[in-house]
Amino acid sequence: MLRRMASGILICAMAALTGACEDSTTGLTPTPPPITEVFEGTLNPVSTTVHSFITLVGGPVQVTLTTVGPDAAKTIGFSLGTFNATLNICSVVFDNPAAVQGAEFKATAQTTGIYCARLYDNGSVRDAAADGSASSFNYTVTVVHPQ
């Protein structure tokens, strides 16, 4: 009888150890590739334009003033901030009041959120309209952000 109990205990112990030795590691969740969005528009004298984008996870955000025309040497105001969709307001976090073509912001979104790129006339568009060199400026903004 003692032999049967010992055998039973041994079998139970082996079954428990076998279960404990299972491979329970989980694989790393791959990071989804970032999203690239391109916004184009026209900036009129004494105006502001806002483009919003949504991140579903935290991660790096890069916003680039890709083109400014008709003269790439002209400056415009360029900002990055958080967007309140209810109030339709871009709360500026980073600002470059004299951005030229190629200007960029690099930041990190800590969480899910709605962010915004804001472009505004810093006086350059108004001056170009006044001297007749341009009635407005065209621009392209490229945003790379997490999904």
C-alpha atoms as a PDB file:
ATOM      1  CA  MET A   1       0.000   0.000   0.000  1.00  0.00           C
ATOM      2  CA  LEU A   2       2.857   2.326   0.812  1.00  0.00           C
ATOM      3  CA  ARG A   3       4.320   1.563  -2.599  1.00  0.00           C
ATOM      4  CA  ARG A   4       1.048   2.598  -4.329  1.00  0.00           C
ATOM      5  CA  MET A   5       0.886   5.877  -2.366  1.00  0.00           C
ATOM      6  CA  ALA A   6       4.511   6.627  -3.194  1.00  0.00           C
ATOM      7  CA  SER A   7       3.846   5.879  -6.863  1.00  0.00           C
ATOM      8  CA  GLY A   8       0.760   8.110  -6.809  1.00  0.00           C
ATOM      9  CA  ILE A   9       2.671  10.963  -5.182  1.00  0.00           C
ATOM     10  CA  LEU A  10       5.506  10.573  -7.682  1.00  0.00           C
ATOM     11  CA  ILE A  11       3.096  10.662 -10.627  1.00  0.00           C
ATOM     12  CA  CYS A  12       1.358  13.780  -9.258  1.00  0.00           C
ATOM     13  CA  ALA A  13       4.698  15.493  -8.638  1.00  0.00           C
ATOM     14  CA  MET A  14       5.886  14.740 -12.187  1.00  0.00           C
ATOM     15  CA  ALA A  15       2.609  16.007 -13.635  1.00  0.00           C
ATOM     16  CA  ALA A  16       2.962  19.252 -11.668  1.00  0.00           C
ATOM     17  CA  LEU A  17       6.578  19.723 -12.775  1.00  0.00           C
ATOM     18  CA  THR A  18       5.715  19.015 -16.383  1.00  0.00           C
ATOM     19  CA  GLY A  19       3.050  21.716 -16.279  1.00  0.00           C
ATOM     20  CA  ALA A  20       5.476  24.157 -14.673  1.00  0.00           C
ATOM     21  CA  CYS A  21       8.018  23.584 -17.422  1.00  0.00           C
ATOM     22  CA  GLU A  22       5.733  24.617 -20.262  1.00  0.00           C
ATOM     23  CA  ASP A  23       6.972  27.407 -22.470  1.00  0.00           C
ATOM     24  CA  SER A  24       4.916  30.314 -21.187  1.00  0.00           C
ATOM     25  CA  THR A  25       6.913  33.151 -22.726  1.00  0.00           C
ATOM     26  CA  THR A  26       4.969  35.529 -24.874  1.00  0.00           C
ATOM     27  CA  GLY A  27       6.429  36.933 -28.044  1.00  0.00           C
ATOM     28  CA  LEU A  28       7.099  40.621 -28.411  1.00  0.00           C
ATOM     29  CA  THR A  29       4.254  42.518 -29.969  1.00  0.00           C
ATOM     30  CA  PRO A  30       5.602  44.088 -33.139  1.00  0.00           C
ATOM     31  CA  THR A  31       5.422  47.869 -33.298  1.00  0.00           C
ATOM     32  CA  PRO A  32       3.124  48.921 -36.123  1.00  0.00           C
ATOM     33  CA  PRO A  33       4.755  51.109 -38.761  1.00  0.00           C
ATOM     34  CA  PRO A  34       4.161  54.862 -38.445  1.00  0.00           C
ATOM     35  CA  ILE A  35       1.551  56.672 -40.499  1.00  0.00           C
ATOM     36  CA  THR A  36       2.542  59.447 -42.908  1.00  0.00           C
ATOM     37  CA  GLU A  37      -0.016  62.148 -43.640  1.00  0.00           C
ATOM     38  CA  VAL A  38       0.455  65.012 -46.087  1.00  0.00           C
ATOM     39  CA  PHE A  39      -1.500  68.249 -45.767  1.00  0.00           C
ATOM     40  CA  GLU A  40      -1.516  70.887 -48.507  1.00  0.00           C
ATOM     41  CA  GLY A  41      -3.115  74.268 -48.490  1.00  0.00           C
ATOM     42  CA  THR A  42      -3.034  77.972 -49.196  1.00  0.00           C
ATOM     43  CA  LEU A  43      -2.161  80.577 -46.613  1.00  0.00           C
ATOM     44  CA  ASN A  44      -3.808  83.950 -47.236  1.00  0.00           C
ATOM     45  CA  PRO A  45      -2.725  87.271 -45.738  1.00  0.00           C
ATOM     46  CA  VAL A  46      -3.439  87.543 -41.982  1.00  0.00           C
ATOM     47  CA  SER A  47      -4.820  83.990 -41.771  1.00  0.00           C
ATOM     48  CA  THR A  48      -4.280  80.749 -39.883  1.00  0.00           C
ATOM     49  CA  THR A  49      -4.801  77.154 -41.012  1.00  0.00           C
ATOM     50  CA  VAL A  50      -4.943  74.094 -38.755  1.00  0.00           C
ATOM     51  CA  HIS A  51      -4.564  70.413 -39.701  1.00  0.00           C
ATOM     52  CA  SER A  52      -5.330  67.789 -37.059  1.00  0.00           C
ATOM     53  CA  PHE A  53      -4.161  64.182 -36.791  1.00  0.00           C
ATOM     54  CA  ILE A  54      -4.869  61.357 -34.366  1.00  0.00           C
ATOM     55  CA  THR A  55      -2.455  58.965 -32.679  1.00  0.00           C
ATOM     56  CA  LEU A  56      -3.848  55.731 -31.234  1.00  0.00           C
ATOM     57  CA  VAL A  57      -0.649  54.917 -29.310  1.00  0.00           C
ATOM     58  CA  GLY A  58       2.265  56.898 -27.965  1.00  0.00           C
ATOM     59  CA  GLY A  59       5.474  57.301 -29.927  1.00  0.00           C
ATOM     60  CA  PRO A  60       7.585  59.672 -32.003  1.00  0.00           C
ATOM     61  CA  VAL A  61       5.919  62.458 -33.984  1.00  0.00           C
ATOM     62  CA  GLN A  62       7.679  64.417 -36.718  1.00  0.00           C
ATOM     63  CA  VAL A  63       6.026  67.386 -38.419  1.00  0.00           C
ATOM     64  CA  THR A  64       7.862  68.980 -41.364  1.00  0.00           C
ATOM     65  CA  LEU A  65       7.086  72.106 -43.358  1.00  0.00           C
ATOM     66  CA  THR A  66       7.893  70.361 -46.623  1.00  0.00           C
ATOM     67  CA  THR A  67       7.249  73.203 -49.072  1.00  0.00           C
ATOM     68  CA  VAL A  68       6.453  76.900 -49.010  1.00  0.00           C
ATOM     69  CA  GLY A  69       5.736  78.764 -52.218  1.00  0.00           C
ATOM     70  CA  PRO A  70       6.025  80.688 -54.372  1.00  0.00           C
ATOM     71  CA  ASP A  71       9.316  81.608 -52.648  1.00  0.00           C
ATOM     72  CA  ALA A  72      10.931  78.945 -50.422  1.00  0.00           C
ATOM     73  CA  ALA A  73      13.032  81.629 -48.699  1.00  0.00           C
ATOM     74  CA  LYS A  74       9.931  83.335 -47.275  1.00  0.00           C
ATOM     75  CA  THR A  75       8.935  82.548 -43.707  1.00  0.00           C
ATOM     76  CA  ILE A  76       5.580  81.654 -42.175  1.00  0.00           C
ATOM     77  CA  GLY A  77       4.481  80.794 -38.662  1.00  0.00           C
ATOM     78  CA  PHE A  78       4.512  77.064 -37.938  1.00  0.00           C
ATOM     79  CA  SER A  79       3.288  75.351 -34.751  1.00  0.00           C
ATOM     80  CA  LEU A  80       2.653  71.918 -33.253  1.00  0.00           C
ATOM     81  CA  GLY A  81       0.100  71.398 -30.520  1.00  0.00           C
ATOM     82  CA  THR A  82      -2.833  69.472 -29.131  1.00  0.00           C
ATOM     83  CA  PHE A  83      -6.235  69.744 -30.776  1.00  0.00           C
ATOM     84  CA  ASN A  84      -9.543  70.154 -28.964  1.00  0.00           C
ATOM     85  CA  ALA A  85     -12.128  68.884 -31.464  1.00  0.00           C
ATOM     86  CA  THR A  86     -15.056  70.114 -29.358  1.00  0.00           C
ATOM     87  CA  LEU A  87     -13.854  73.712 -29.376  1.00  0.00           C
ATOM     88  CA  ASN A  88     -11.962  73.428 -32.691  1.00  0.00           C
ATOM     89  CA  ILE A  89      -8.841  74.897 -31.057  1.00  0.00           C
ATOM     90  CA  CYS A  90      -5.172  74.049 -31.560  1.00  0.00           C
ATOM     91  CA  SER A  91      -3.348  74.674 -28.262  1.00  0.00           C
ATOM     92  CA  VAL A  92       0.209  75.425 -29.314  1.00  0.00           C
ATOM     93  CA  VAL A  93       2.997  73.506 -27.571  1.00  0.00           C
ATOM     94  CA  PHE A  94       5.883  74.269 -29.968  1.00  0.00           C
ATOM     95  CA  ASP A  95       6.071  77.350 -32.192  1.00  0.00           C
ATOM     96  CA  ASN A  96       8.412  78.644 -34.857  1.00  0.00           C
ATOM     97  CA  PRO A  97       7.272  82.171 -35.788  1.00  0.00           C
ATOM     98  CA  ALA A  98       9.682  82.398 -38.734  1.00  0.00           C
ATOM     99  CA  ALA A  99       9.753  78.900 -40.257  1.00  0.00           C
ATOM    100  CA  VAL A 100      11.305  78.326 -43.655  1.00  0.00           C
ATOM    101  CA  GLN A 101      10.839  75.379 -45.955  1.00  0.00           C
ATOM    102  CA  GLY A 102      12.307  72.279 -44.273  1.00  0.00           C
ATOM    103  CA  ALA A 103      11.551  73.419 -40.703  1.00  0.00           C
ATOM    104  CA  GLU A 104      10.455  70.556 -38.469  1.00  0.00           C
ATOM    105  CA  PHE A 105       9.290  69.614 -35.014  1.00  0.00           C
ATOM    106  CA  LYS A 106      10.221  66.309 -33.388  1.00  0.00           C
ATOM    107  CA  ALA A 107       8.229  65.325 -30.336  1.00  0.00           C
ATOM    108  CA  THR A 108       6.862  62.278 -28.546  1.00  0.00           C
ATOM    109  CA  ALA A 109       3.167  61.578 -28.129  1.00  0.00           C
ATOM    110  CA  GLN A 110       2.836  60.023 -24.686  1.00  0.00           C
ATOM    111  CA  THR A 111      -0.625  58.616 -25.301  1.00  0.00           C
ATOM    112  CA  THR A 112      -3.605  58.470 -27.607  1.00  0.00           C
ATOM    113  CA  GLY A 113      -4.591  61.955 -28.653  1.00  0.00           C
ATOM    114  CA  ILE A 114      -5.525  64.486 -31.259  1.00  0.00           C
ATOM    115  CA  TYR A 115      -2.653  66.740 -32.277  1.00  0.00           C
ATOM    116  CA  CYS A 116      -2.384  69.622 -34.732  1.00  0.00           C
ATOM    117  CA  ALA A 117      -0.084  71.429 -37.108  1.00  0.00           C
ATOM    118  CA  ARG A 118      -0.855  75.139 -37.298  1.00  0.00           C
ATOM    119  CA  LEU A 119       0.336  77.482 -40.032  1.00  0.00           C
ATOM    120  CA  TYR A 120      -0.143  81.222 -39.879  1.00  0.00           C
ATOM    121  CA  ASP A 121       0.838  84.436 -41.621  1.00  0.00           C
ATOM    122  CA  ASN A 122       3.638  86.038 -39.651  1.00  0.00           C
ATOM    123  CA  GLY A 123       3.468  89.123 -41.884  1.00  0.00           C
ATOM    124  CA  SER A 124       5.292  87.644 -44.885  1.00  0.00           C
ATOM    125  CA  VAL A 125       2.114  86.789 -46.799  1.00  0.00           C
ATOM    126  CA  ARG A 126       0.617  90.200 -46.012  1.00  0.00           C
ATOM    127  CA  ASP A 127       3.808  91.943 -47.186  1.00  0.00           C
ATOM    128  CA  ALA A 128       3.943  89.863 -50.398  1.00  0.00           C
ATOM    129  CA  ALA A 129       0.313  90.739 -51.131  1.00  0.00           C
ATOM    130  CA  ALA A 130       1.013  94.420 -50.474  1.00  0.00           C
ATOM    131  CA  ASP A 131       4.035  94.556 -52.807  1.00  0.00           C
ATOM    132  CA  GLY A 132       2.314  92.425 -55.461  1.00  0.00           C
ATOM    133  CA  SER A 133       4.843  89.560 -55.409  1.00  0.00           C
ATOM    134  CA  ALA A 134       2.226  87.001 -54.262  1.00  0.00           C
ATOM    135  CA  SER A 135      -1.406  87.054 -53.200  1.00  0.00           C
ATOM    136  CA  SER A 136      -1.009  83.923 -51.017  1.00  0.00           C
ATOM    137  CA  PHE A 137       1.502  81.204 -50.141  1.00  0.00           C
ATOM    138  CA  ASN A 138       1.038  77.518 -50.870  1.00  0.00           C
ATOM    139  CA  TYR A 139       2.432  74.987 -48.415  1.00  0.00           C
ATOM    140  CA  THR A 140       2.812  71.277 -47.784  1.00  0.00           C
ATOM    141  CA  VAL A 141       3.179  69.769 -44.310  1.00  0.00           C
ATOM    142  CA  THR A 142       4.245  66.152 -43.802  1.00  0.00           C
ATOM    143  CA  VAL A 143       3.343  64.458 -40.514  1.00  0.00           C
ATOM    144  CA  VAL A 144       4.801  61.087 -39.454  1.00  0.00           C
ATOM    145  CA  HIS A 145       3.174  59.688 -36.307  1.00  0.00           C
ATOM    146  CA  PRO A 146       2.272  56.435 -34.537  1.00  0.00           C
ATOM    147  CA  GLN A 147      -0.929  54.704 -35.516  1.00  0.00           C
END
